[in-house]
Amino acid sequence: MIEETLSSFFEDFGVVARRADNSEFLVFFDESHSPMEVGAEGRSIVATCPTSEANFDHGDTLEIDGKSYSIVGVRPVDDGKITELDLRYE
């Protein structure tokens, strides 16, 4: 039941991400400008996806909204059902 709810949530609010092999899956995409540390700020680019879709290594690429990004971090969130992918714009 939780998986079904998670899937429908991504279907309702997610955007399409494309892997290097052209397979697609849905993510929540956040490309915000935010404070990084005290006295510094920068851009934080994160794609959040179901962990079942998060089989990535550092340096793998994703295309979202026609832009290419490198994966620089893979972080499971809380109970591990979703994963945050830290991205860098290519």
PDB file of N, CA and C in Angstrom:
ATOM      1  N   MET A   1       0.820  -1.194   0.000  1.00  0.00           N
ATOM      2  CA  MET A   1       0.000   0.000   0.000  1.00  0.00           C
ATOM      3  C   MET A   1       0.862   1.256   0.000  1.00  0.00           C
ATOM      4  N   ILE A   2       1.919   1.276   0.795  1.00  0.00           N
ATOM      5  CA  ILE A   2       2.808   2.440   0.826  1.00  0.00           C
ATOM      6  C   ILE A   2       3.441   2.656  -0.543  1.00  0.00           C
ATOM      7  N   GLU A   3       3.902   1.583  -1.193  1.00  0.00           N
ATOM      8  CA  GLU A   3       4.520   1.711  -2.510  1.00  0.00           C
ATOM      9  C   GLU A   3       3.537   2.295  -3.519  1.00  0.00           C
ATOM     10  N   GLU A   4       2.274   1.855  -3.478  1.00  0.00           N
ATOM     11  CA  GLU A   4       1.272   2.391  -4.392  1.00  0.00           C
ATOM     12  C   GLU A   4       1.075   3.877  -4.151  1.00  0.00           C
ATOM     13  N   THR A   5       1.020   4.285  -2.900  1.00  0.00           N
ATOM     14  CA  THR A   5       0.854   5.698  -2.575  1.00  0.00           C
ATOM     15  C   THR A   5       2.058   6.495  -3.050  1.00  0.00           C
ATOM     16  N   LEU A   6       3.251   5.971  -2.849  1.00  0.00           N
ATOM     17  CA  LEU A   6       4.472   6.636  -3.283  1.00  0.00           C
ATOM     18  C   LEU A   6       4.489   6.780  -4.801  1.00  0.00           C
ATOM     19  N   SER A   7       4.123   5.735  -5.516  1.00  0.00           N
ATOM     20  CA  SER A   7       4.087   5.784  -6.979  1.00  0.00           C
ATOM     21  C   SER A   7       3.113   6.836  -7.480  1.00  0.00           C
ATOM     22  N   SER A   8       1.926   6.878  -6.910  1.00  0.00           N
ATOM     23  CA  SER A   8       0.940   7.857  -7.372  1.00  0.00           C
ATOM     24  C   SER A   8       1.370   9.275  -7.026  1.00  0.00           C
ATOM     25  N   PHE A   9       2.071   9.444  -5.923  1.00  0.00           N
ATOM     26  CA  PHE A   9       2.576  10.769  -5.549  1.00  0.00           C
ATOM     27  C   PHE A   9       3.586  11.259  -6.591  1.00  0.00           C
ATOM     28  N   PHE A  10       4.498  10.387  -7.027  1.00  0.00           N
ATOM     29  CA  PHE A  10       5.455  10.766  -8.069  1.00  0.00           C
ATOM     30  C   PHE A  10       4.737  11.002  -9.390  1.00  0.00           C
ATOM     31  N   GLU A  11       3.719  10.198  -9.701  1.00  0.00           N
ATOM     32  CA  GLU A  11       2.962  10.391 -10.937  1.00  0.00           C
ATOM     33  C   GLU A  11       2.254  11.741 -10.947  1.00  0.00           C
ATOM     34  N   ASP A  12       1.747  12.166  -9.802  1.00  0.00           N
ATOM     35  CA  ASP A  12       1.017  13.430  -9.721  1.00  0.00           C
ATOM     36  C   ASP A  12       1.931  14.652  -9.725  1.00  0.00           C
ATOM     37  N   PHE A  13       3.122  14.547  -9.125  1.00  0.00           N
ATOM     38  CA  PHE A  13       3.949  15.735  -8.907  1.00  0.00           C
ATOM     39  C   PHE A  13       5.357  15.649  -9.491  1.00  0.00           C
ATOM     40  N   GLY A  14       5.732  14.521 -10.064  1.00  0.00           N
ATOM     41  CA  GLY A  14       7.099  14.342 -10.552  1.00  0.00           C
ATOM     42  C   GLY A  14       7.311  14.844 -11.967  1.00  0.00           C
ATOM     43  N   VAL A  15       8.588  14.937 -12.339  1.00  0.00           N
ATOM     44  CA  VAL A  15       8.999  15.260 -13.705  1.00  0.00           C
ATOM     45  C   VAL A  15       9.826  14.085 -14.220  1.00  0.00           C
ATOM     46  N   VAL A  16       9.928  13.972 -15.532  1.00  0.00           N
ATOM     47  CA  VAL A  16      10.636  12.850 -16.144  1.00  0.00           C
ATOM     48  C   VAL A  16      12.143  13.079 -16.092  1.00  0.00           C
ATOM     49  N   ALA A  17      12.866  12.052 -15.643  1.00  0.00           N
ATOM     50  CA  ALA A  17      14.329  12.029 -15.700  1.00  0.00           C
ATOM     51  C   ALA A  17      14.720  10.888 -16.637  1.00  0.00           C
ATOM     52  N   ARG A  18      15.758  11.128 -17.438  1.00  0.00           N
ATOM     53  CA  ARG A  18      16.201  10.121 -18.410  1.00  0.00           C
ATOM     54  C   ARG A  18      17.642   9.712 -18.094  1.00  0.00           C
ATOM     55  N   ARG A  19      17.850   8.403 -17.997  1.00  0.00           N
ATOM     56  CA  ARG A  19      19.193   7.854 -17.779  1.00  0.00           C
ATOM     57  C   ARG A  19      19.988   7.868 -19.087  1.00  0.00           C
ATOM     58  N   ALA A  20      21.273   7.555 -18.994  1.00  0.00           N
ATOM     59  CA  ALA A  20      22.134   7.484 -20.180  1.00  0.00           C
ATOM     60  C   ALA A  20      21.643   6.430 -21.174  1.00  0.00           C
ATOM     61  N   ASP A  21      20.977   5.367 -20.685  1.00  0.00           N
ATOM     62  CA  ASP A  21      20.453   4.325 -21.586  1.00  0.00           C
ATOM     63  C   ASP A  21      19.067   4.672 -22.142  1.00  0.00           C
ATOM     64  N   ASN A  22      18.622   5.915 -21.902  1.00  0.00           N
ATOM     65  CA  ASN A  22      17.333   6.454 -22.362  1.00  0.00           C
ATOM     66  C   ASN A  22      16.119   5.923 -21.620  1.00  0.00           C
ATOM     67  N   SER A  23      16.296   5.106 -20.578  1.00  0.00           N
ATOM     68  CA  SER A  23      15.143   4.705 -19.769  1.00  0.00           C
ATOM     69  C   SER A  23      14.720   5.894 -18.909  1.00  0.00           C
ATOM     70  N   GLU A  24      13.438   5.967 -18.622  1.00  0.00           N
ATOM     71  CA  GLU A  24      12.881   7.117 -17.910  1.00  0.00           C
ATOM     72  C   GLU A  24      12.231   6.702 -16.601  1.00  0.00           C
ATOM     73  N   PHE A  25      12.224   7.629 -15.653  1.00  0.00           N
ATOM     74  CA  PHE A  25      11.537   7.457 -14.379  1.00  0.00           C
ATOM     75  C   PHE A  25      11.179   8.841 -13.858  1.00  0.00           C
ATOM     76  N   LEU A  26      10.341   8.896 -12.829  1.00  0.00           N
ATOM     77  CA  LEU A  26       9.866  10.173 -12.299  1.00  0.00           C
ATOM     78  C   LEU A  26      10.649  10.585 -11.061  1.00  0.00           C
ATOM     79  N   VAL A  27      10.918  11.895 -10.973  1.00  0.00           N
ATOM     80  CA  VAL A  27      11.631  12.467  -9.827  1.00  0.00           C
ATOM     81  C   VAL A  27      10.937  13.753  -9.398  1.00  0.00           C
ATOM     82  N   PHE A  28      11.187  14.141  -8.166  1.00  0.00           N
ATOM     83  CA  PHE A  28      10.898  15.505  -7.735  1.00  0.00           C
ATOM     84  C   PHE A  28      12.195  16.257  -7.958  1.00  0.00           C
ATOM     85  N   PHE A  29      12.129  17.373  -8.674  1.00  0.00           N
ATOM     86  CA  PHE A  29      13.338  18.104  -9.053  1.00  0.00           C
ATOM     87  C   PHE A  29      13.375  19.443  -8.351  1.00  0.00           C
ATOM     88  N   ASP A  30      14.479  19.715  -7.666  1.00  0.00           N
ATOM     89  CA  ASP A  30      14.645  20.967  -6.929  1.00  0.00           C
ATOM     90  C   ASP A  30      15.981  21.586  -7.308  1.00  0.00           C
ATOM     91  N   GLU A  31      15.908  22.718  -7.987  1.00  0.00           N
ATOM     92  CA  GLU A  31      17.099  23.445  -8.414  1.00  0.00           C
ATOM     93  C   GLU A  31      17.052  24.818  -7.745  1.00  0.00           C
ATOM     94  N   SER A  32      17.350  24.818  -6.454  1.00  0.00           N
ATOM     95  CA  SER A  32      17.166  26.047  -5.686  1.00  0.00           C
ATOM     96  C   SER A  32      18.489  26.694  -5.312  1.00  0.00           C
ATOM     97  N   HIS A  33      18.405  27.949  -4.973  1.00  0.00           N
ATOM     98  CA  HIS A  33      19.542  28.719  -4.483  1.00  0.00           C
ATOM     99  C   HIS A  33      19.393  28.773  -2.977  1.00  0.00           C
ATOM    100  N   SER A  34      20.375  28.246  -2.254  1.00  0.00           N
ATOM    101  CA  SER A  34      20.217  28.159  -0.805  1.00  0.00           C
ATOM    102  C   SER A  34      21.547  28.320  -0.089  1.00  0.00           C
ATOM    103  N   PRO A  35      21.479  28.683   1.201  1.00  0.00           N
ATOM    104  CA  PRO A  35      22.719  28.772   1.973  1.00  0.00           C
ATOM    105  C   PRO A  35      23.354  27.392   2.114  1.00  0.00           C
ATOM    106  N   MET A  36      24.655  27.317   1.891  1.00  0.00           N
ATOM    107  CA  MET A  36      25.373  26.054   2.000  1.00  0.00           C
ATOM    108  C   MET A  36      26.044  25.922   3.370  1.00  0.00           C
ATOM    109  N   GLU A  37      26.644  26.990   3.845  1.00  0.00           N
ATOM    110  CA  GLU A  37      27.295  27.037   5.150  1.00  0.00           C
ATOM    111  C   GLU A  37      27.145  28.454   5.666  1.00  0.00           C
ATOM    112  N   VAL A  38      27.533  28.658   6.904  1.00  0.00           N
ATOM    113  CA  VAL A  38      27.480  30.006   7.461  1.00  0.00           C
ATOM    114  C   VAL A  38      28.361  30.916   6.615  1.00  0.00           C
ATOM    115  N   GLY A  39      27.785  32.009   6.117  1.00  0.00           N
ATOM    116  CA  GLY A  39      28.537  32.978   5.336  1.00  0.00           C
ATOM    117  C   GLY A  39      28.712  32.625   3.873  1.00  0.00           C
ATOM    118  N   ALA A  40      28.184  31.506   3.427  1.00  0.00           N
ATOM    119  CA  ALA A  40      28.309  31.113   2.021  1.00  0.00           C
ATOM    120  C   ALA A  40      26.945  30.678   1.509  1.00  0.00           C
ATOM    121  N   GLU A  41      26.755  30.839   0.234  1.00  0.00           N
ATOM    122  CA  GLU A  41      25.531  30.343  -0.377  1.00  0.00           C
ATOM    123  C   GLU A  41      25.862  29.801  -1.751  1.00  0.00           C
ATOM    124  N   GLY A  42      24.970  29.016  -2.289  1.00  0.00           N
ATOM    125  CA  GLY A  42      25.205  28.423  -3.599  1.00  0.00           C
ATOM    126  C   GLY A  42      23.969  27.708  -4.086  1.00  0.00           C
ATOM    127  N   ARG A  43      24.143  26.991  -5.156  1.00  0.00           N
ATOM    128  CA  ARG A  43      23.025  26.280  -5.764  1.00  0.00           C
ATOM    129  C   ARG A  43      23.043  24.823  -5.329  1.00  0.00           C
ATOM    130  N   SER A  44      21.894  24.365  -4.900  1.00  0.00           N
ATOM    131  CA  SER A  44      21.717  22.969  -4.522  1.00  0.00           C
ATOM    132  C   SER A  44      20.762  22.349  -5.531  1.00  0.00           C
ATOM    133  N   ILE A  45      21.242  21.358  -6.274  1.00  0.00           N
ATOM    134  CA  ILE A  45      20.410  20.708  -7.279  1.00  0.00           C
ATOM    135  C   ILE A  45      20.179  19.269  -6.829  1.00  0.00           C
ATOM    136  N   VAL A  46      18.916  18.925  -6.585  1.00  0.00           N
ATOM    137  CA  VAL A  46      18.579  17.609  -6.041  1.00  0.00           C
ATOM    138  C   VAL A  46      17.405  17.015  -6.813  1.00  0.00           C
ATOM    139  N   ALA A  47      17.532  15.741  -7.152  1.00  0.00           N
ATOM    140  CA  ALA A  47      16.415  14.969  -7.698  1.00  0.00           C
ATOM    141  C   ALA A  47      16.087  13.892  -6.668  1.00  0.00           C
ATOM    142  N   THR A  48      14.827  13.823  -6.268  1.00  0.00           N
ATOM    143  CA  THR A  48      14.386  12.821  -5.299  1.00  0.00           C
ATOM    144  C   THR A  48      13.566  11.776  -6.042  1.00  0.00           C
ATOM    145  N   CYS A  49      13.880  10.504  -5.793  1.00  0.00           N
ATOM    146  CA  CYS A  49      13.201   9.434  -6.525  1.00  0.00           C
ATOM    147  C   CYS A  49      12.968   8.234  -5.616  1.00  0.00           C
ATOM    148  N   PRO A  50      12.096   7.322  -6.037  1.00  0.00           N
ATOM    149  CA  PRO A  50      11.953   6.080  -5.280  1.00  0.00           C
ATOM    150  C   PRO A  50      13.300   5.348  -5.272  1.00  0.00           C
ATOM    151  N   THR A  51      13.668   4.779  -4.157  1.00  0.00           N
ATOM    152  CA  THR A  51      14.947   4.078  -4.043  1.00  0.00           C
ATOM    153  C   THR A  51      15.064   2.961  -5.076  1.00  0.00           C
ATOM    154  N   SER A  52      13.951   2.374  -5.458  1.00  0.00           N
ATOM    155  CA  SER A  52      13.977   1.314  -6.474  1.00  0.00           C
ATOM    156  C   SER A  52      14.510   1.810  -7.817  1.00  0.00           C
ATOM    157  N   GLU A  53      14.500   3.122  -8.045  1.00  0.00           N
ATOM    158  CA  GLU A  53      15.004   3.722  -9.290  1.00  0.00           C
ATOM    159  C   GLU A  53      16.407   4.294  -9.130  1.00  0.00           C
ATOM    160  N   ALA A  54      16.985   4.217  -7.937  1.00  0.00           N
ATOM    161  CA  ALA A  54      18.211   4.955  -7.615  1.00  0.00           C
ATOM    162  C   ALA A  54      19.476   4.111  -7.724  1.00  0.00           C
ATOM    163  N   ASN A  55      19.559   3.269  -8.723  1.00  0.00           N
ATOM    164  CA  ASN A  55      20.749   2.451  -8.920  1.00  0.00           C
ATOM    165  C   ASN A  55      21.777   3.241  -9.734  1.00  0.00           C
ATOM    166  N   PHE A  56      22.470   4.161  -9.067  1.00  0.00           N
ATOM    167  CA  PHE A  56      23.413   5.051  -9.727  1.00  0.00           C
ATOM    168  C   PHE A  56      24.753   5.040  -9.015  1.00  0.00           C
ATOM    169  N   ASP A  57      25.778   5.426  -9.754  1.00  0.00           N
ATOM    170  CA  ASP A  57      27.106   5.648  -9.201  1.00  0.00           C
ATOM    171  C   ASP A  57      27.460   7.113  -9.399  1.00  0.00           C
ATOM    172  N   HIS A  58      28.406   7.597  -8.619  1.00  0.00           N
ATOM    173  CA  HIS A  58      28.902   8.957  -8.807  1.00  0.00           C
ATOM    174  C   HIS A  58      29.436   9.073 -10.238  1.00  0.00           C
ATOM    175  N   GLY A  59      29.075  10.171 -10.900  1.00  0.00           N
ATOM    176  CA  GLY A  59      29.513  10.400 -12.267  1.00  0.00           C
ATOM    177  C   GLY A  59      28.513   9.964 -13.323  1.00  0.00           C
ATOM    178  N   ASP A  60      27.529   9.141 -12.959  1.00  0.00           N
ATOM    179  CA  ASP A  60      26.471   8.798 -13.911  1.00  0.00           C
ATOM    180  C   ASP A  60      25.725  10.077 -14.281  1.00  0.00           C
ATOM    181  N   THR A  61      25.044  10.063 -15.412  1.00  0.00           N
ATOM    182  CA  THR A  61      24.338  11.264 -15.856  1.00  0.00           C
ATOM    183  C   THR A  61      22.834  11.044 -15.925  1.00  0.00           C
ATOM    184  N   LEU A  62      22.118  12.148 -15.755  1.00  0.00           N
ATOM    185  CA  LEU A  62      20.666  12.204 -15.897  1.00  0.00           C
ATOM    186  C   LEU A  62      20.321  13.408 -16.751  1.00  0.00           C
ATOM    187  N   GLU A  63      19.261  13.293 -17.525  1.00  0.00           N
ATOM    188  CA  GLU A  63      18.724  14.444 -18.244  1.00  0.00           C
ATOM    189  C   GLU A  63      17.358  14.768 -17.654  1.00  0.00           C
ATOM    190  N   ILE A  64      17.192  16.029 -17.256  1.00  0.00           N
ATOM    191  CA  ILE A  64      15.927  16.505 -16.705  1.00  0.00           C
ATOM    192  C   ILE A  64      15.607  17.834 -17.373  1.00  0.00           C
ATOM    193  N   ASP A  65      14.414  17.959 -17.914  1.00  0.00           N
ATOM    194  CA  ASP A  65      13.991  19.183 -18.604  1.00  0.00           C
ATOM    195  C   ASP A  65      14.995  19.617 -19.669  1.00  0.00           C
ATOM    196  N   GLY A  66      15.554  18.650 -20.393  1.00  0.00           N
ATOM    197  CA  GLY A  66      16.470  18.956 -21.484  1.00  0.00           C
ATOM    198  C   GLY A  66      17.879  19.334 -21.071  1.00  0.00           C
ATOM    199  N   LYS A  67      18.192  19.280 -19.780  1.00  0.00           N
ATOM    200  CA  LYS A  67      19.538  19.607 -19.291  1.00  0.00           C
ATOM    201  C   LYS A  67      20.204  18.344 -18.752  1.00  0.00           C
ATOM    202  N   SER A  68      21.512  18.268 -18.936  1.00  0.00           N
ATOM    203  CA  SER A  68      22.272  17.108 -18.483  1.00  0.00           C
ATOM    204  C   SER A  68      22.947  17.404 -17.142  1.00  0.00           C
ATOM    205  N   TYR A  69      22.849  16.443 -16.218  1.00  0.00           N
ATOM    206  CA  TYR A  69      23.417  16.579 -14.880  1.00  0.00           C
ATOM    207  C   TYR A  69      24.255  15.350 -14.546  1.00  0.00           C
ATOM    208  N   SER A  70      25.354  15.565 -13.817  1.00  0.00           N
ATOM    209  CA  SER A  70      26.148  14.463 -13.256  1.00  0.00           C
ATOM    210  C   SER A  70      25.686  14.207 -11.836  1.00  0.00           C
ATOM    211  N   ILE A  71      25.665  12.951 -11.454  1.00  0.00           N
ATOM    212  CA  ILE A  71      25.317  12.596 -10.079  1.00  0.00           C
ATOM    213  C   ILE A  71      26.578  12.678  -9.226  1.00  0.00           C
ATOM    214  N   VAL A  72      26.527  13.506  -8.182  1.00  0.00           N
ATOM    215  CA  VAL A  72      27.680  13.692  -7.296  1.00  0.00           C
ATOM    216  C   VAL A  72      27.412  13.165  -5.891  1.00  0.00           C
ATOM    217  N   GLY A  73      26.192  12.710  -5.639  1.00  0.00           N
ATOM    218  CA  GLY A  73      25.857  12.143  -4.340  1.00  0.00           C
ATOM    219  C   GLY A  73      24.578  11.335  -4.414  1.00  0.00           C
ATOM    220  N   VAL A  74      24.525  10.250  -3.651  1.00  0.00           N
ATOM    221  CA  VAL A  74      23.338   9.391  -3.576  1.00  0.00           C
ATOM    222  C   VAL A  74      23.047   9.170  -2.100  1.00  0.00           C
ATOM    223  N   ARG A  75      21.887   9.687  -1.616  1.00  0.00           N
ATOM    224  CA  ARG A  75      21.574   9.641  -0.190  1.00  0.00           C
ATOM    225  C   ARG A  75      20.176   9.101   0.063  1.00  0.00           C
ATOM    226  N   PRO A  76      20.063   7.890   0.652  1.00  0.00           N
ATOM    227  CA  PRO A  76      18.745   7.413   1.079  1.00  0.00           C
ATOM    228  C   PRO A  76      18.184   8.349   2.152  1.00  0.00           C
ATOM    229  N   VAL A  77      16.873   8.540   2.147  1.00  0.00           N
ATOM    230  CA  VAL A  77      16.214   9.439   3.094  1.00  0.00           C
ATOM    231  C   VAL A  77      15.412   8.621   4.105  1.00  0.00           C
ATOM    232  N   ASP A  78      15.562   8.950   5.374  1.00  0.00           N
ATOM    233  CA  ASP A  78      14.789   8.367   6.476  1.00  0.00           C
ATOM    234  C   ASP A  78      14.666   6.846   6.390  1.00  0.00           C
ATOM    235  N   ASP A  79      13.476   6.332   6.066  1.00  0.00           N
ATOM    236  CA  ASP A  79      13.248   4.882   6.078  1.00  0.00           C
ATOM    237  C   ASP A  79      13.790   4.174   4.837  1.00  0.00           C
ATOM    238  N   GLY A  80      14.397   4.922   3.905  1.00  0.00           N
ATOM    239  CA  GLY A  80      15.010   4.324   2.726  1.00  0.00           C
ATOM    240  C   GLY A  80      14.093   4.100   1.543  1.00  0.00           C
ATOM    241  N   LYS A  81      12.843   4.518   1.628  1.00  0.00           N
ATOM    242  CA  LYS A  81      11.906   4.339   0.505  1.00  0.00           C
ATOM    243  C   LYS A  81      12.191   5.315  -0.641  1.00  0.00           C
ATOM    244  N   ILE A  82      12.767   6.479  -0.300  1.00  0.00           N
ATOM    245  CA  ILE A  82      13.147   7.446  -1.325  1.00  0.00           C
ATOM    246  C   ILE A  82      14.629   7.785  -1.161  1.00  0.00           C
ATOM    247  N   THR A  83      15.226   8.259  -2.253  1.00  0.00           N
ATOM    248  CA  THR A  83      16.644   8.606  -2.279  1.00  0.00           C
ATOM    249  C   THR A  83      16.806   9.970  -2.923  1.00  0.00           C
ATOM    250  N   GLU A  84      17.705  10.770  -2.364  1.00  0.00           N
ATOM    251  CA  GLU A  84      18.046  12.062  -2.953  1.00  0.00           C
ATOM    252  C   GLU A  84      19.315  11.902  -3.774  1.00  0.00           C
ATOM    253  N   LEU A  85      19.272  12.409  -4.997  1.00  0.00           N
ATOM    254  CA  LEU A  85      20.426  12.413  -5.884  1.00  0.00           C
ATOM    255  C   LEU A  85      20.949  13.838  -5.958  1.00  0.00           C
ATOM    256  N   ASP A  86      22.161  14.062  -5.477  1.00  0.00           N
ATOM    257  CA  ASP A  86      22.788  15.380  -5.590  1.00  0.00           C
ATOM    258  C   ASP A  86      23.354  15.493  -6.998  1.00  0.00           C
ATOM    259  N   LEU A  87      23.019  16.586  -7.668  1.00  0.00           N
ATOM    260  CA  LEU A  87      23.373  16.748  -9.075  1.00  0.00           C
ATOM    261  C   LEU A  87      24.262  17.962  -9.302  1.00  0.00           C
ATOM    262  N   ARG A  88      25.045  17.887 -10.374  1.00  0.00           N
ATOM    263  CA  ARG A  88      25.837  19.033 -10.835  1.00  0.00           C
ATOM    264  C   ARG A  88      25.515  19.226 -12.309  1.00  0.00           C
ATOM    265  N   TYR A  89      25.219  20.471 -12.679  1.00  0.00           N
ATOM    266  CA  TYR A  89      24.878  20.790 -14.065  1.00  0.00           C
ATOM    267  C   TYR A  89      26.106  20.591 -14.945  1.00  0.00           C
ATOM    268  N   GLU A  90      25.923  19.930 -16.062  1.00  0.00           N
ATOM    269  CA  GLU A  90      27.029  19.664 -17.000  1.00  0.00           C
ATOM    270  C   GLU A  90      27.281  20.862 -17.873  1.00  0.00           C
TER     271      GLU A  90
END
